[in-house]
Each structure stands twice: as structure tokens, then as C-alpha cells.
């Protein structure tokens, strides 16, 4: 069953806030800078890019992480195809995605290219293979057969969206990582770090973005 698009309010006219989780979709300071610090630099990108590099994400939201990643892929001169799979229980309506993305003029070219595809489960471009898997990740991820090079763990705050940060789901995250794969998230919550460690990952707390003093990075060695 397809869920109804998420209902929103808008802070300062451009930052969407989820009514369901009472949480903004990206940093009130600079969402793009936060994405670059947390998910791109946090996963040591673009240094690790290669043909077929596969990123998976918990929480698609506005699509900002995808836009920033594809822009970086192109800027870095990476050859081949980027694979990007995202798990989202409550997809944002396409018109709301477009409105939210408009705050990031630096990504306008990529945003305009992808805008006609929002709402589709798959996007295939010469340099991108994208899939959105809709539904509760606790149900959809265990049945997925992919294995990835990097995870973007970008659900709403663990305090407001605990379902996306539980030990069982973090174990599934680890199970879908190839040796040497990494995961990064903005949160440094102790129970999240412990769940990742319990899944067999090497976990470190590193400097976060803006007002967040710390964030979390994890890696699978074998």
C-alpha cells in the first residue's frame, strides 16, 4: 500500500518540517553544507568513487543527499554509473521536493534534471541508477538483496523517529555492507553507536556539522 505524501510546514519559507516527526528535513544553518560534511566527507567521498559505487540511504526526504552526491560524482570526473538506493516510509510529494531543493541554487542544474522523475521508484541516467524502496525499512531492508559501499543514515532524530535507529535495523545495515564499506550519520547518540558496534562495525565519533559537536562514522572490515 502506498502511503500518503508527508504533510509539511515551512520554516522561513524554505526549510520543510515534518508534521509526523516534528523535525526539519535538513539543517536550519545550511542543509547542503551539512550533507557534504556528514555524508560525503563522512564516507570519504569522492576519494572512494569508482564505477558501480553503491550508496544506500535510510530516509530519502527532500532528495538533497542524492543531488549533492550526483553533483560531486560529476565534479570529480568519476567514470561509469553511480548506484543509489534509498529507503523511505513516507515519501515527500514531488512539488514539495522541488520547493525544498530550490533553497540550494548551487545544485539547480542537477535538481532541474531530476525534477521530472520525482515520484518514480526508479531513475536511470547515463551516470545514475537510482531506486526508491517505499515502506518501513524494518520490513523492506531485510528482504533486499543489495550490498553497498556506503550508507547514509539520515532518518529523523533518534528521539523522534526511534524506529529507524534500532539495533535490529542497524544489524541489517551492517549485513548489507561489503568489506571496507562505511556508514555515516549526523547523530552521535550512544544507543546508535552501540547498535552499530553490536552489528560488528568499527565505530568512531568524529566532529559534527555546525551546532552538532559530534557525529558517527562506522566501517565494516570483513
N, C-alpha and C. Protein backbone atom coordinates (compact mmCIF):
# COMPACT_ATOMS: atom_id res chain seq x y z
N UNK A 1 0.85 -1.19 0.00
CA UNK A 1 0.00 0.00 0.00
C UNK A 1 0.89 1.25 0.00
N UNK A 2 0.56 2.21 -0.82
CA UNK A 2 1.33 3.45 -0.88
C UNK A 2 0.86 4.42 0.19
N UNK A 3 1.77 4.95 0.95
CA UNK A 3 1.42 5.92 1.98
C UNK A 3 1.08 7.26 1.36
N UNK A 4 0.31 8.06 2.08
CA UNK A 4 0.05 9.42 1.65
C UNK A 4 1.32 10.25 1.77
N UNK A 5 1.55 11.20 0.85
CA UNK A 5 2.74 12.04 0.97
C UNK A 5 2.78 12.74 2.32
N UNK A 6 3.98 12.94 2.81
CA UNK A 6 4.17 13.57 4.11
C UNK A 6 3.60 14.99 4.10
N UNK A 7 2.95 15.37 5.19
CA UNK A 7 2.44 16.73 5.32
C UNK A 7 3.48 17.58 6.03
N UNK A 8 3.61 18.83 5.58
CA UNK A 8 4.72 19.69 5.99
C UNK A 8 4.24 21.05 6.42
N UNK A 9 5.12 21.71 7.17
CA UNK A 9 5.07 23.16 7.30
C UNK A 9 6.43 23.65 6.84
N UNK A 10 6.55 24.98 6.64
CA UNK A 10 7.79 25.52 6.09
C UNK A 10 8.33 26.59 7.01
N UNK A 11 9.55 26.41 7.44
CA UNK A 11 10.21 27.37 8.33
C UNK A 11 11.01 28.35 7.47
N UNK A 12 10.78 29.63 7.67
CA UNK A 12 11.43 30.68 6.88
C UNK A 12 11.15 30.52 5.39
N UNK A 13 10.05 29.84 5.07
CA UNK A 13 9.63 29.72 3.69
C UNK A 13 10.37 28.70 2.87
N UNK A 14 11.45 28.10 3.41
CA UNK A 14 12.22 27.19 2.57
C UNK A 14 12.70 25.91 3.26
N UNK A 15 12.58 25.82 4.58
CA UNK A 15 13.01 24.60 5.28
C UNK A 15 11.78 23.79 5.64
N UNK A 16 11.58 22.62 5.01
CA UNK A 16 10.40 21.81 5.32
C UNK A 16 10.53 21.13 6.67
N UNK A 17 9.43 21.08 7.40
CA UNK A 17 9.37 20.44 8.71
C UNK A 17 8.28 19.39 8.68
N UNK A 18 8.62 18.17 9.06
CA UNK A 18 7.66 17.08 9.06
C UNK A 18 6.67 17.24 10.20
N UNK A 19 5.36 17.18 9.87
CA UNK A 19 4.36 17.18 10.92
C UNK A 19 4.40 15.88 11.70
N UNK A 20 4.66 14.78 11.02
CA UNK A 20 4.65 13.45 11.65
C UNK A 20 5.72 13.34 12.73
N UNK A 21 6.91 13.89 12.44
CA UNK A 21 8.04 13.73 13.36
C UNK A 21 8.45 15.04 14.04
N UNK A 22 7.79 16.14 13.68
CA UNK A 22 8.08 17.45 14.28
C UNK A 22 9.59 17.72 14.21
N UNK A 23 10.15 17.58 13.01
CA UNK A 23 11.59 17.70 12.83
C UNK A 23 11.86 18.25 11.43
N UNK A 24 12.82 19.17 11.28
CA UNK A 24 13.16 19.67 9.94
C UNK A 24 13.88 18.61 9.13
N UNK A 25 13.74 18.72 7.81
CA UNK A 25 14.36 17.74 6.92
C UNK A 25 15.86 17.97 6.75
N UNK A 26 16.32 19.18 6.98
CA UNK A 26 17.75 19.43 6.90
C UNK A 26 18.11 20.57 7.83
N UNK A 27 19.41 20.78 8.00
CA UNK A 27 19.91 21.77 8.96
C UNK A 27 19.34 23.16 8.69
N UNK A 28 18.97 23.84 9.75
CA UNK A 28 18.49 25.20 9.62
C UNK A 28 19.63 26.15 9.27
N UNK A 29 20.86 25.72 9.51
CA UNK A 29 22.02 26.56 9.21
C UNK A 29 22.34 26.51 7.72
N UNK A 30 22.62 25.31 7.19
CA UNK A 30 22.95 25.14 5.78
C UNK A 30 22.86 23.65 5.48
N UNK A 31 21.73 23.24 4.93
CA UNK A 31 21.50 21.82 4.70
C UNK A 31 22.50 21.19 3.76
N UNK A 32 22.92 21.92 2.74
CA UNK A 32 23.88 21.37 1.78
C UNK A 32 25.24 21.18 2.44
N UNK A 33 25.67 22.16 3.22
CA UNK A 33 26.95 22.03 3.92
C UNK A 33 26.91 20.86 4.90
N UNK A 34 25.78 20.66 5.55
CA UNK A 34 25.64 19.53 6.46
C UNK A 34 25.75 18.21 5.72
N UNK A 35 25.09 18.11 4.56
CA UNK A 35 25.17 16.89 3.76
C UNK A 35 26.61 16.61 3.34
N UNK A 36 27.29 17.65 2.89
CA UNK A 36 28.67 17.45 2.44
C UNK A 36 29.58 17.01 3.58
N UNK A 37 29.40 17.62 4.74
CA UNK A 37 30.23 17.26 5.89
C UNK A 37 29.91 15.87 6.40
N UNK A 38 28.63 15.59 6.58
CA UNK A 38 28.21 14.37 7.25
C UNK A 38 28.30 13.14 6.34
N UNK A 39 27.67 13.22 5.19
CA UNK A 39 27.52 12.03 4.38
C UNK A 39 28.61 11.87 3.31
N UNK A 40 29.04 12.97 2.72
CA UNK A 40 30.06 12.87 1.68
C UNK A 40 31.45 12.74 2.31
N UNK A 41 31.86 13.76 3.06
CA UNK A 41 33.16 13.66 3.73
C UNK A 41 33.15 12.52 4.75
N UNK A 42 32.03 12.30 5.42
CA UNK A 42 31.95 11.24 6.42
C UNK A 42 32.17 9.86 5.86
N UNK A 43 31.91 9.69 4.56
CA UNK A 43 32.16 8.42 3.88
C UNK A 43 33.39 8.48 2.98
N UNK A 44 34.21 9.53 3.18
CA UNK A 44 35.45 9.71 2.42
C UNK A 44 35.19 9.74 0.92
N UNK A 45 34.23 10.56 0.54
CA UNK A 45 33.89 10.77 -0.88
C UNK A 45 34.29 12.19 -1.26
N UNK A 46 34.83 12.35 -2.48
CA UNK A 46 34.77 11.44 -3.64
C UNK A 46 35.95 10.49 -3.78
N UNK A 47 36.86 10.44 -2.82
CA UNK A 47 38.08 9.64 -3.00
C UNK A 47 37.80 8.18 -3.32
N UNK A 48 36.70 7.65 -2.82
CA UNK A 48 36.40 6.22 -2.99
C UNK A 48 35.55 5.92 -4.21
N UNK A 49 35.10 6.93 -4.92
CA UNK A 49 34.23 6.69 -6.07
C UNK A 49 34.91 5.78 -7.09
N UNK A 50 34.11 4.91 -7.69
CA UNK A 50 34.54 4.05 -8.79
C UNK A 50 33.28 3.64 -9.54
N UNK A 51 33.44 3.11 -10.73
CA UNK A 51 32.28 2.65 -11.49
C UNK A 51 31.51 1.61 -10.69
N UNK A 52 30.19 1.82 -10.56
CA UNK A 52 29.34 0.90 -9.82
C UNK A 52 29.30 1.15 -8.33
N UNK A 53 29.96 2.21 -7.85
CA UNK A 53 29.92 2.52 -6.42
C UNK A 53 28.47 2.62 -5.97
N UNK A 54 28.14 1.93 -4.88
CA UNK A 54 26.74 1.81 -4.46
C UNK A 54 26.55 2.44 -3.08
N UNK A 55 25.67 3.41 -3.03
CA UNK A 55 25.27 4.08 -1.79
C UNK A 55 23.84 3.68 -1.47
N UNK A 56 23.58 3.38 -0.20
CA UNK A 56 22.21 3.19 0.27
C UNK A 56 21.94 4.20 1.37
N UNK A 57 20.66 4.51 1.53
CA UNK A 57 20.28 5.59 2.43
C UNK A 57 19.01 5.22 3.19
N UNK A 58 19.00 5.50 4.47
CA UNK A 58 17.77 5.41 5.26
C UNK A 58 17.22 6.82 5.41
N UNK A 59 16.10 7.10 4.75
CA UNK A 59 15.46 8.41 4.82
C UNK A 59 15.79 9.27 3.62
N UNK A 60 14.94 9.24 2.59
CA UNK A 60 15.20 10.00 1.37
C UNK A 60 14.87 11.47 1.51
N UNK A 61 13.79 11.77 2.24
CA UNK A 61 13.43 13.17 2.49
C UNK A 61 13.26 14.00 1.24
N UNK A 62 13.99 15.10 1.16
CA UNK A 62 13.88 16.04 0.05
C UNK A 62 14.68 15.62 -1.17
N UNK A 63 15.48 14.57 -1.04
CA UNK A 63 16.36 14.18 -2.14
C UNK A 63 17.67 14.94 -2.17
N UNK A 64 17.92 15.78 -1.15
CA UNK A 64 19.11 16.61 -1.14
C UNK A 64 20.39 15.77 -1.19
N UNK A 65 20.44 14.68 -0.45
CA UNK A 65 21.66 13.86 -0.44
C UNK A 65 21.96 13.29 -1.81
N UNK A 66 20.92 12.86 -2.52
CA UNK A 66 21.12 12.35 -3.87
C UNK A 66 21.65 13.44 -4.79
N UNK A 67 21.05 14.62 -4.74
CA UNK A 67 21.51 15.73 -5.59
C UNK A 67 22.97 16.07 -5.32
N UNK A 68 23.32 16.18 -4.05
CA UNK A 68 24.68 16.55 -3.69
C UNK A 68 25.67 15.47 -4.10
N UNK A 69 25.27 14.22 -3.97
CA UNK A 69 26.16 13.11 -4.33
C UNK A 69 26.37 13.05 -5.83
N UNK A 70 25.29 13.17 -6.60
CA UNK A 70 25.42 13.12 -8.05
C UNK A 70 26.24 14.30 -8.55
N UNK A 71 26.04 15.47 -7.98
CA UNK A 71 26.84 16.64 -8.37
C UNK A 71 28.31 16.39 -8.08
N UNK A 72 28.62 15.80 -6.93
CA UNK A 72 30.02 15.51 -6.59
C UNK A 72 30.59 14.45 -7.51
N UNK A 73 29.80 13.45 -7.83
CA UNK A 73 30.24 12.40 -8.77
C UNK A 73 30.68 13.02 -10.09
N UNK A 74 29.87 13.92 -10.59
CA UNK A 74 30.19 14.56 -11.88
C UNK A 74 31.38 15.51 -11.75
N UNK A 75 31.42 16.26 -10.68
CA UNK A 75 32.54 17.20 -10.49
C UNK A 75 33.87 16.47 -10.35
N UNK A 76 33.83 15.28 -9.75
CA UNK A 76 35.06 14.53 -9.52
C UNK A 76 35.58 13.84 -10.78
N UNK A 77 34.74 13.79 -11.81
CA UNK A 77 35.14 13.12 -13.04
C UNK A 77 35.05 11.61 -12.95
N UNK A 78 34.30 11.10 -11.99
CA UNK A 78 34.17 9.66 -11.85
C UNK A 78 33.56 9.06 -13.11
N UNK A 79 34.11 7.93 -13.52
CA UNK A 79 33.61 7.26 -14.72
C UNK A 79 32.57 6.22 -14.36
N UNK A 80 31.68 5.93 -15.29
CA UNK A 80 30.71 4.87 -15.08
C UNK A 80 29.43 5.33 -14.42
N UNK A 81 28.84 4.44 -13.64
CA UNK A 81 27.49 4.66 -13.10
C UNK A 81 27.51 4.62 -11.58
N UNK A 82 26.89 5.62 -10.97
CA UNK A 82 26.66 5.66 -9.53
C UNK A 82 25.35 4.95 -9.23
N UNK A 83 25.37 4.03 -8.27
CA UNK A 83 24.16 3.35 -7.83
C UNK A 83 23.73 3.96 -6.50
N UNK A 84 22.46 4.29 -6.39
CA UNK A 84 21.95 4.96 -5.19
C UNK A 84 20.58 4.38 -4.87
N UNK A 85 20.48 3.71 -3.72
CA UNK A 85 19.23 3.10 -3.28
C UNK A 85 18.79 3.76 -1.99
N UNK A 86 17.54 4.17 -1.92
CA UNK A 86 17.07 4.85 -0.73
C UNK A 86 15.80 4.18 -0.21
N UNK A 87 15.69 4.15 1.11
CA UNK A 87 14.55 3.54 1.79
C UNK A 87 13.77 4.65 2.49
N UNK A 88 12.49 4.78 2.16
CA UNK A 88 11.69 5.88 2.67
C UNK A 88 10.26 5.40 2.94
N UNK A 89 9.81 5.58 4.18
CA UNK A 89 8.46 5.14 4.54
C UNK A 89 7.39 6.14 4.13
N UNK A 90 7.74 7.44 4.15
CA UNK A 90 6.75 8.48 3.91
C UNK A 90 7.29 9.47 2.88
N UNK A 91 7.20 9.12 1.59
CA UNK A 91 7.79 9.99 0.56
C UNK A 91 7.16 11.38 0.55
N UNK A 92 8.00 12.34 0.29
CA UNK A 92 7.55 13.72 0.14
C UNK A 92 6.92 13.89 -1.25
N UNK A 93 5.88 14.70 -1.34
CA UNK A 93 5.25 14.97 -2.64
C UNK A 93 6.26 15.64 -3.57
N UNK A 94 6.24 15.29 -4.86
CA UNK A 94 7.21 15.87 -5.79
C UNK A 94 7.27 17.40 -5.75
N UNK A 95 6.12 18.05 -5.67
CA UNK A 95 6.13 19.52 -5.67
C UNK A 95 6.82 20.08 -4.43
N UNK A 96 6.71 19.35 -3.30
CA UNK A 96 7.39 19.78 -2.08
C UNK A 96 8.90 19.55 -2.19
N UNK A 97 9.29 18.45 -2.82
CA UNK A 97 10.72 18.21 -3.05
C UNK A 97 11.33 19.33 -3.88
N UNK A 98 10.65 19.69 -4.93
CA UNK A 98 11.15 20.75 -5.81
C UNK A 98 11.25 22.08 -5.06
N UNK A 99 10.25 22.38 -4.25
CA UNK A 99 10.29 23.62 -3.46
C UNK A 99 11.46 23.60 -2.48
N UNK A 100 11.66 22.48 -1.80
CA UNK A 100 12.75 22.39 -0.83
C UNK A 100 14.11 22.50 -1.50
N UNK A 101 14.26 21.86 -2.64
CA UNK A 101 15.54 21.87 -3.35
C UNK A 101 15.89 23.25 -3.90
N UNK A 102 14.89 24.08 -4.09
CA UNK A 102 15.13 25.42 -4.64
C UNK A 102 16.00 26.26 -3.71
N UNK A 103 16.12 25.87 -2.44
CA UNK A 103 16.96 26.61 -1.49
C UNK A 103 18.45 26.46 -1.81
N UNK A 104 18.78 25.50 -2.67
CA UNK A 104 20.18 25.19 -2.94
C UNK A 104 20.51 25.48 -4.40
N UNK A 105 20.70 26.77 -4.67
CA UNK A 105 20.95 27.20 -6.04
C UNK A 105 22.15 26.54 -6.67
N UNK A 106 23.12 26.17 -5.85
CA UNK A 106 24.33 25.53 -6.35
C UNK A 106 24.03 24.19 -7.02
N UNK A 107 22.89 23.59 -6.65
CA UNK A 107 22.51 22.29 -7.20
C UNK A 107 21.39 22.40 -8.22
N UNK A 108 21.11 23.60 -8.70
CA UNK A 108 19.94 23.81 -9.54
C UNK A 108 19.98 22.99 -10.83
N UNK A 109 21.16 22.83 -11.41
CA UNK A 109 21.25 22.06 -12.65
C UNK A 109 20.84 20.61 -12.46
N UNK A 110 21.39 19.97 -11.44
CA UNK A 110 21.04 18.58 -11.15
C UNK A 110 19.58 18.50 -10.73
N UNK A 111 19.12 19.45 -9.93
CA UNK A 111 17.73 19.44 -9.46
C UNK A 111 16.75 19.52 -10.63
N UNK A 112 17.03 20.38 -11.59
CA UNK A 112 16.15 20.52 -12.74
C UNK A 112 16.14 19.25 -13.59
N UNK A 113 17.29 18.61 -13.69
CA UNK A 113 17.39 17.38 -14.48
C UNK A 113 16.56 16.25 -13.87
N UNK A 114 16.57 16.17 -12.54
CA UNK A 114 15.87 15.08 -11.87
C UNK A 114 14.41 15.39 -11.55
N UNK A 115 14.04 16.67 -11.58
CA UNK A 115 12.68 17.06 -11.17
C UNK A 115 11.57 16.28 -11.88
N UNK A 116 11.67 16.03 -13.20
CA UNK A 116 10.58 15.30 -13.86
C UNK A 116 10.43 13.86 -13.37
N UNK A 117 11.44 13.33 -12.69
CA UNK A 117 11.41 11.93 -12.26
C UNK A 117 10.89 11.73 -10.85
N UNK A 118 10.75 12.81 -10.06
CA UNK A 118 10.32 12.62 -8.68
C UNK A 118 8.96 11.96 -8.62
N UNK A 119 8.82 11.03 -7.73
CA UNK A 119 7.61 10.22 -7.63
C UNK A 119 7.77 8.86 -8.25
N UNK A 120 8.80 8.69 -9.08
CA UNK A 120 9.08 7.40 -9.69
C UNK A 120 9.96 6.56 -8.77
N UNK A 121 9.78 5.25 -8.83
CA UNK A 121 10.57 4.36 -7.98
C UNK A 121 11.98 4.15 -8.54
N UNK A 122 12.16 4.39 -9.83
CA UNK A 122 13.47 4.18 -10.46
C UNK A 122 13.80 5.35 -11.37
N UNK A 123 15.07 5.69 -11.41
CA UNK A 123 15.59 6.69 -12.33
C UNK A 123 16.85 6.10 -12.96
N UNK A 124 16.91 6.09 -14.27
CA UNK A 124 18.10 5.60 -14.98
C UNK A 124 18.61 6.70 -15.90
N UNK A 125 19.81 7.17 -15.60
CA UNK A 125 20.52 8.14 -16.42
C UNK A 125 21.84 7.52 -16.85
N UNK A 126 22.55 8.13 -17.78
CA UNK A 126 23.83 7.55 -18.20
C UNK A 126 24.80 7.33 -17.04
N UNK A 127 24.72 8.17 -16.00
CA UNK A 127 25.66 8.04 -14.88
C UNK A 127 24.99 7.77 -13.55
N UNK A 128 23.71 7.40 -13.55
CA UNK A 128 22.98 7.17 -12.30
C UNK A 128 21.97 6.06 -12.45
N UNK A 129 22.00 5.14 -11.49
CA UNK A 129 20.94 4.14 -11.35
C UNK A 129 20.36 4.29 -9.96
N UNK A 130 19.14 4.82 -9.89
CA UNK A 130 18.51 5.17 -8.62
C UNK A 130 17.29 4.31 -8.38
N UNK A 131 17.10 3.90 -7.13
CA UNK A 131 15.89 3.17 -6.75
C UNK A 131 15.41 3.67 -5.40
N UNK A 132 14.12 3.97 -5.31
CA UNK A 132 13.47 4.31 -4.05
C UNK A 132 12.62 3.12 -3.63
N UNK A 133 12.89 2.59 -2.46
CA UNK A 133 12.12 1.47 -1.92
C UNK A 133 11.23 2.02 -0.83
N UNK A 134 9.94 2.03 -1.12
CA UNK A 134 8.97 2.66 -0.21
C UNK A 134 8.48 1.67 0.83
N UNK A 135 8.36 2.15 2.05
CA UNK A 135 7.85 1.33 3.14
C UNK A 135 8.75 1.40 4.35
N UNK A 136 8.35 0.75 5.41
CA UNK A 136 9.11 0.70 6.65
C UNK A 136 10.39 -0.09 6.42
N UNK A 137 11.55 0.54 6.63
CA UNK A 137 12.83 -0.13 6.36
C UNK A 137 13.01 -1.38 7.22
N UNK A 138 12.35 -1.43 8.35
CA UNK A 138 12.46 -2.63 9.19
C UNK A 138 11.90 -3.85 8.48
N UNK A 139 11.01 -3.60 7.52
CA UNK A 139 10.42 -4.67 6.72
C UNK A 139 11.10 -4.81 5.37
N UNK A 140 11.39 -3.68 4.72
CA UNK A 140 11.90 -3.74 3.35
C UNK A 140 13.39 -4.07 3.26
N UNK A 141 14.20 -3.59 4.21
CA UNK A 141 15.64 -3.83 4.11
C UNK A 141 16.01 -5.30 4.27
N UNK A 142 15.40 -6.05 5.21
CA UNK A 142 15.77 -7.46 5.33
C UNK A 142 15.55 -8.26 4.04
N UNK A 143 14.58 -7.87 3.24
CA UNK A 143 14.30 -8.60 2.01
C UNK A 143 15.05 -8.11 0.79
N UNK A 144 15.86 -7.08 0.97
CA UNK A 144 16.62 -6.51 -0.15
C UNK A 144 17.90 -7.31 -0.35
N UNK A 145 18.30 -7.51 -1.61
CA UNK A 145 19.48 -8.34 -1.86
C UNK A 145 20.73 -7.54 -2.21
N UNK A 146 20.70 -6.21 -2.06
CA UNK A 146 21.86 -5.40 -2.40
C UNK A 146 22.91 -5.38 -1.29
N UNK A 147 24.14 -5.06 -1.70
CA UNK A 147 25.23 -4.83 -0.75
C UNK A 147 25.94 -3.56 -1.21
N UNK A 148 26.29 -2.72 -0.28
CA UNK A 148 26.70 -1.37 -0.64
C UNK A 148 28.09 -1.02 -0.15
N UNK A 149 28.61 0.06 -0.73
CA UNK A 149 29.92 0.59 -0.36
C UNK A 149 29.81 1.66 0.73
N UNK A 150 28.65 2.30 0.82
CA UNK A 150 28.48 3.37 1.80
C UNK A 150 27.01 3.51 2.17
N UNK A 151 26.76 3.85 3.42
CA UNK A 151 25.42 4.13 3.92
C UNK A 151 25.33 5.58 4.35
N UNK A 152 24.21 6.22 4.01
CA UNK A 152 23.82 7.50 4.58
C UNK A 152 22.67 7.19 5.55
N UNK A 153 22.92 7.30 6.83
CA UNK A 153 21.88 7.04 7.84
C UNK A 153 21.27 8.39 8.20
N UNK A 154 20.13 8.71 7.57
CA UNK A 154 19.60 10.08 7.62
C UNK A 154 18.12 10.11 7.99
N UNK A 155 17.73 9.25 8.92
CA UNK A 155 16.37 9.36 9.42
C UNK A 155 16.21 10.59 10.30
N UNK A 156 14.98 10.88 10.69
CA UNK A 156 14.76 11.97 11.63
C UNK A 156 15.45 11.64 12.95
N UNK A 157 15.53 12.63 13.81
CA UNK A 157 16.21 12.50 15.10
C UNK A 157 15.84 11.18 15.79
N UNK A 158 16.82 10.46 16.34
CA UNK A 158 16.50 9.21 17.04
C UNK A 158 15.47 9.38 18.15
N UNK A 159 15.44 10.56 18.76
CA UNK A 159 14.47 10.80 19.82
C UNK A 159 13.04 10.87 19.28
N UNK A 160 12.91 11.27 18.01
CA UNK A 160 11.58 11.45 17.42
C UNK A 160 11.22 10.35 16.43
N UNK A 161 12.21 9.60 15.95
CA UNK A 161 11.98 8.56 14.95
C UNK A 161 12.79 7.32 15.35
N UNK A 162 12.56 6.77 16.56
CA UNK A 162 13.39 5.67 17.07
C UNK A 162 13.33 4.42 16.19
N UNK A 163 12.25 4.26 15.41
CA UNK A 163 12.10 3.06 14.59
C UNK A 163 13.25 2.89 13.59
N UNK A 164 13.85 4.00 13.18
CA UNK A 164 14.87 3.94 12.14
C UNK A 164 16.28 3.81 12.71
N UNK A 165 16.40 3.61 14.03
CA UNK A 165 17.71 3.57 14.66
C UNK A 165 17.89 2.37 15.59
N UNK A 166 16.99 1.41 15.54
CA UNK A 166 17.04 0.29 16.46
C UNK A 166 18.16 -0.70 16.15
N UNK A 167 18.46 -1.53 17.13
CA UNK A 167 19.58 -2.47 16.99
C UNK A 167 19.35 -3.46 15.84
N UNK A 168 18.13 -3.94 15.68
CA UNK A 168 17.86 -4.91 14.61
C UNK A 168 18.07 -4.28 13.24
N UNK A 169 17.65 -3.04 13.07
CA UNK A 169 17.82 -2.39 11.78
C UNK A 169 19.28 -2.05 11.53
N UNK A 170 20.02 -1.64 12.54
CA UNK A 170 21.45 -1.38 12.36
C UNK A 170 22.19 -2.67 12.00
N UNK A 171 21.73 -3.81 12.51
CA UNK A 171 22.32 -5.09 12.12
C UNK A 171 22.07 -5.36 10.64
N UNK A 172 20.89 -4.99 10.15
CA UNK A 172 20.60 -5.15 8.72
C UNK A 172 21.46 -4.21 7.88
N UNK A 173 21.67 -3.00 8.37
CA UNK A 173 22.57 -2.07 7.68
C UNK A 173 23.93 -2.73 7.49
N UNK A 174 24.47 -3.28 8.57
CA UNK A 174 25.79 -3.91 8.50
C UNK A 174 25.78 -5.12 7.58
N UNK A 175 24.71 -5.88 7.59
CA UNK A 175 24.64 -7.09 6.77
C UNK A 175 24.67 -6.78 5.28
N UNK A 176 24.25 -5.58 4.93
CA UNK A 176 24.20 -5.19 3.52
C UNK A 176 25.41 -4.35 3.10
N UNK A 177 26.50 -4.44 3.85
CA UNK A 177 27.74 -3.74 3.53
C UNK A 177 28.79 -4.71 3.02
N UNK A 178 29.51 -4.33 1.98
CA UNK A 178 30.64 -5.13 1.52
C UNK A 178 31.83 -4.86 2.45
N UNK A 179 32.83 -5.74 2.48
CA UNK A 179 34.02 -5.46 3.27
C UNK A 179 34.64 -4.12 2.86
N UNK A 180 35.00 -3.31 3.85
CA UNK A 180 35.54 -1.99 3.58
C UNK A 180 34.51 -0.91 3.43
N UNK A 181 33.23 -1.26 3.48
CA UNK A 181 32.16 -0.27 3.36
C UNK A 181 32.09 0.58 4.62
N UNK A 182 31.50 1.76 4.46
CA UNK A 182 31.38 2.71 5.57
C UNK A 182 29.93 3.13 5.74
N UNK A 183 29.66 3.74 6.88
CA UNK A 183 28.36 4.34 7.16
C UNK A 183 28.61 5.63 7.92
N UNK A 184 27.78 6.63 7.66
CA UNK A 184 27.92 7.90 8.36
C UNK A 184 26.54 8.43 8.73
N UNK A 185 26.48 9.13 9.85
CA UNK A 185 25.24 9.75 10.29
C UNK A 185 25.54 10.99 11.12
N UNK A 186 24.59 11.90 11.12
CA UNK A 186 24.74 13.14 11.89
C UNK A 186 24.64 12.91 13.39
N UNK A 187 24.02 11.80 13.81
CA UNK A 187 23.78 11.61 15.23
C UNK A 187 24.97 10.93 15.91
N UNK A 188 25.20 11.32 17.14
CA UNK A 188 26.22 10.67 17.96
C UNK A 188 25.57 10.01 19.17
N UNK A 189 24.27 9.77 19.09
CA UNK A 189 23.55 9.16 20.22
C UNK A 189 24.21 7.85 20.62
N UNK A 190 24.40 7.65 21.91
CA UNK A 190 25.10 6.48 22.39
C UNK A 190 24.45 5.18 21.96
N UNK A 191 23.12 5.11 21.99
CA UNK A 191 22.46 3.84 21.65
C UNK A 191 22.63 3.51 20.18
N UNK A 192 22.76 4.53 19.31
CA UNK A 192 23.00 4.28 17.89
C UNK A 192 24.41 3.74 17.69
N UNK A 193 25.38 4.36 18.34
CA UNK A 193 26.77 3.88 18.22
C UNK A 193 26.88 2.45 18.77
N UNK A 194 26.21 2.17 19.86
CA UNK A 194 26.28 0.82 20.43
C UNK A 194 25.62 -0.20 19.51
N UNK A 195 24.52 0.19 18.86
CA UNK A 195 23.85 -0.72 17.92
C UNK A 195 24.74 -1.04 16.73
N UNK A 196 25.46 -0.05 16.23
CA UNK A 196 26.38 -0.28 15.12
C UNK A 196 27.55 -1.16 15.56
N UNK A 197 28.05 -0.94 16.77
CA UNK A 197 29.12 -1.78 17.29
C UNK A 197 28.64 -3.22 17.49
N UNK A 198 27.42 -3.37 17.98
CA UNK A 198 26.87 -4.71 18.18
C UNK A 198 26.71 -5.46 16.86
N UNK A 199 26.58 -4.70 15.76
CA UNK A 199 26.46 -5.30 14.43
C UNK A 199 27.81 -5.67 13.84
N UNK A 200 28.88 -5.43 14.60
CA UNK A 200 30.20 -5.84 14.15
C UNK A 200 30.99 -4.76 13.43
N UNK A 201 30.53 -3.53 13.49
CA UNK A 201 31.22 -2.44 12.80
C UNK A 201 32.19 -1.74 13.75
N UNK A 202 33.26 -1.20 13.17
CA UNK A 202 34.18 -0.34 13.92
C UNK A 202 33.60 1.06 13.90
N UNK A 203 33.34 1.62 15.06
CA UNK A 203 32.59 2.88 15.17
C UNK A 203 33.47 3.95 15.79
N UNK A 204 33.39 5.16 15.23
CA UNK A 204 34.12 6.28 15.80
C UNK A 204 33.23 7.51 15.84
N UNK A 205 33.44 8.32 16.86
CA UNK A 205 32.74 9.60 16.99
C UNK A 205 33.69 10.68 16.48
N UNK A 206 33.23 11.46 15.52
CA UNK A 206 34.06 12.48 14.89
C UNK A 206 33.33 13.82 14.93
N UNK A 207 34.01 14.93 14.64
CA UNK A 207 33.35 16.23 14.72
C UNK A 207 32.14 16.33 13.79
N UNK A 208 31.06 16.89 14.34
CA UNK A 208 29.85 17.05 13.56
C UNK A 208 29.80 18.40 12.86
N UNK A 209 28.65 18.64 12.22
CA UNK A 209 28.47 19.89 11.48
C UNK A 209 27.77 20.93 12.34
N UNK A 210 28.25 22.16 12.25
CA UNK A 210 27.55 23.28 12.89
C UNK A 210 27.41 23.11 14.38
N UNK A 211 26.16 23.18 14.85
CA UNK A 211 25.91 23.10 16.28
C UNK A 211 26.02 21.68 16.83
N UNK A 212 26.15 20.69 15.95
CA UNK A 212 26.32 19.32 16.40
C UNK A 212 27.80 19.07 16.66
N UNK A 213 28.16 18.90 17.91
CA UNK A 213 29.57 18.74 18.26
C UNK A 213 30.17 17.47 17.67
N UNK A 214 29.35 16.40 17.62
CA UNK A 214 29.86 15.13 17.15
C UNK A 214 28.90 14.46 16.19
N UNK A 215 29.42 13.55 15.38
CA UNK A 215 28.64 12.68 14.51
C UNK A 215 29.28 11.30 14.59
N UNK A 216 28.74 10.35 13.83
CA UNK A 216 29.22 8.98 13.90
C UNK A 216 29.62 8.46 12.53
N UNK A 217 30.74 7.76 12.51
CA UNK A 217 31.20 7.06 11.31
C UNK A 217 31.46 5.61 11.69
N UNK A 218 31.10 4.68 10.82
CA UNK A 218 31.32 3.26 11.09
C UNK A 218 31.89 2.59 9.84
N UNK A 219 32.58 1.49 10.05
CA UNK A 219 33.20 0.79 8.93
C UNK A 219 33.14 -0.71 9.17
N UNK A 220 32.94 -1.44 8.07
CA UNK A 220 32.96 -2.90 8.14
C UNK A 220 34.29 -3.39 7.60
N UNK A 221 35.02 -4.11 8.41
CA UNK A 221 36.37 -4.56 7.99
C UNK A 221 36.31 -5.87 7.22
N UNK A 222 35.37 -6.76 7.57
CA UNK A 222 35.29 -8.05 6.88
C UNK A 222 33.86 -8.35 6.49
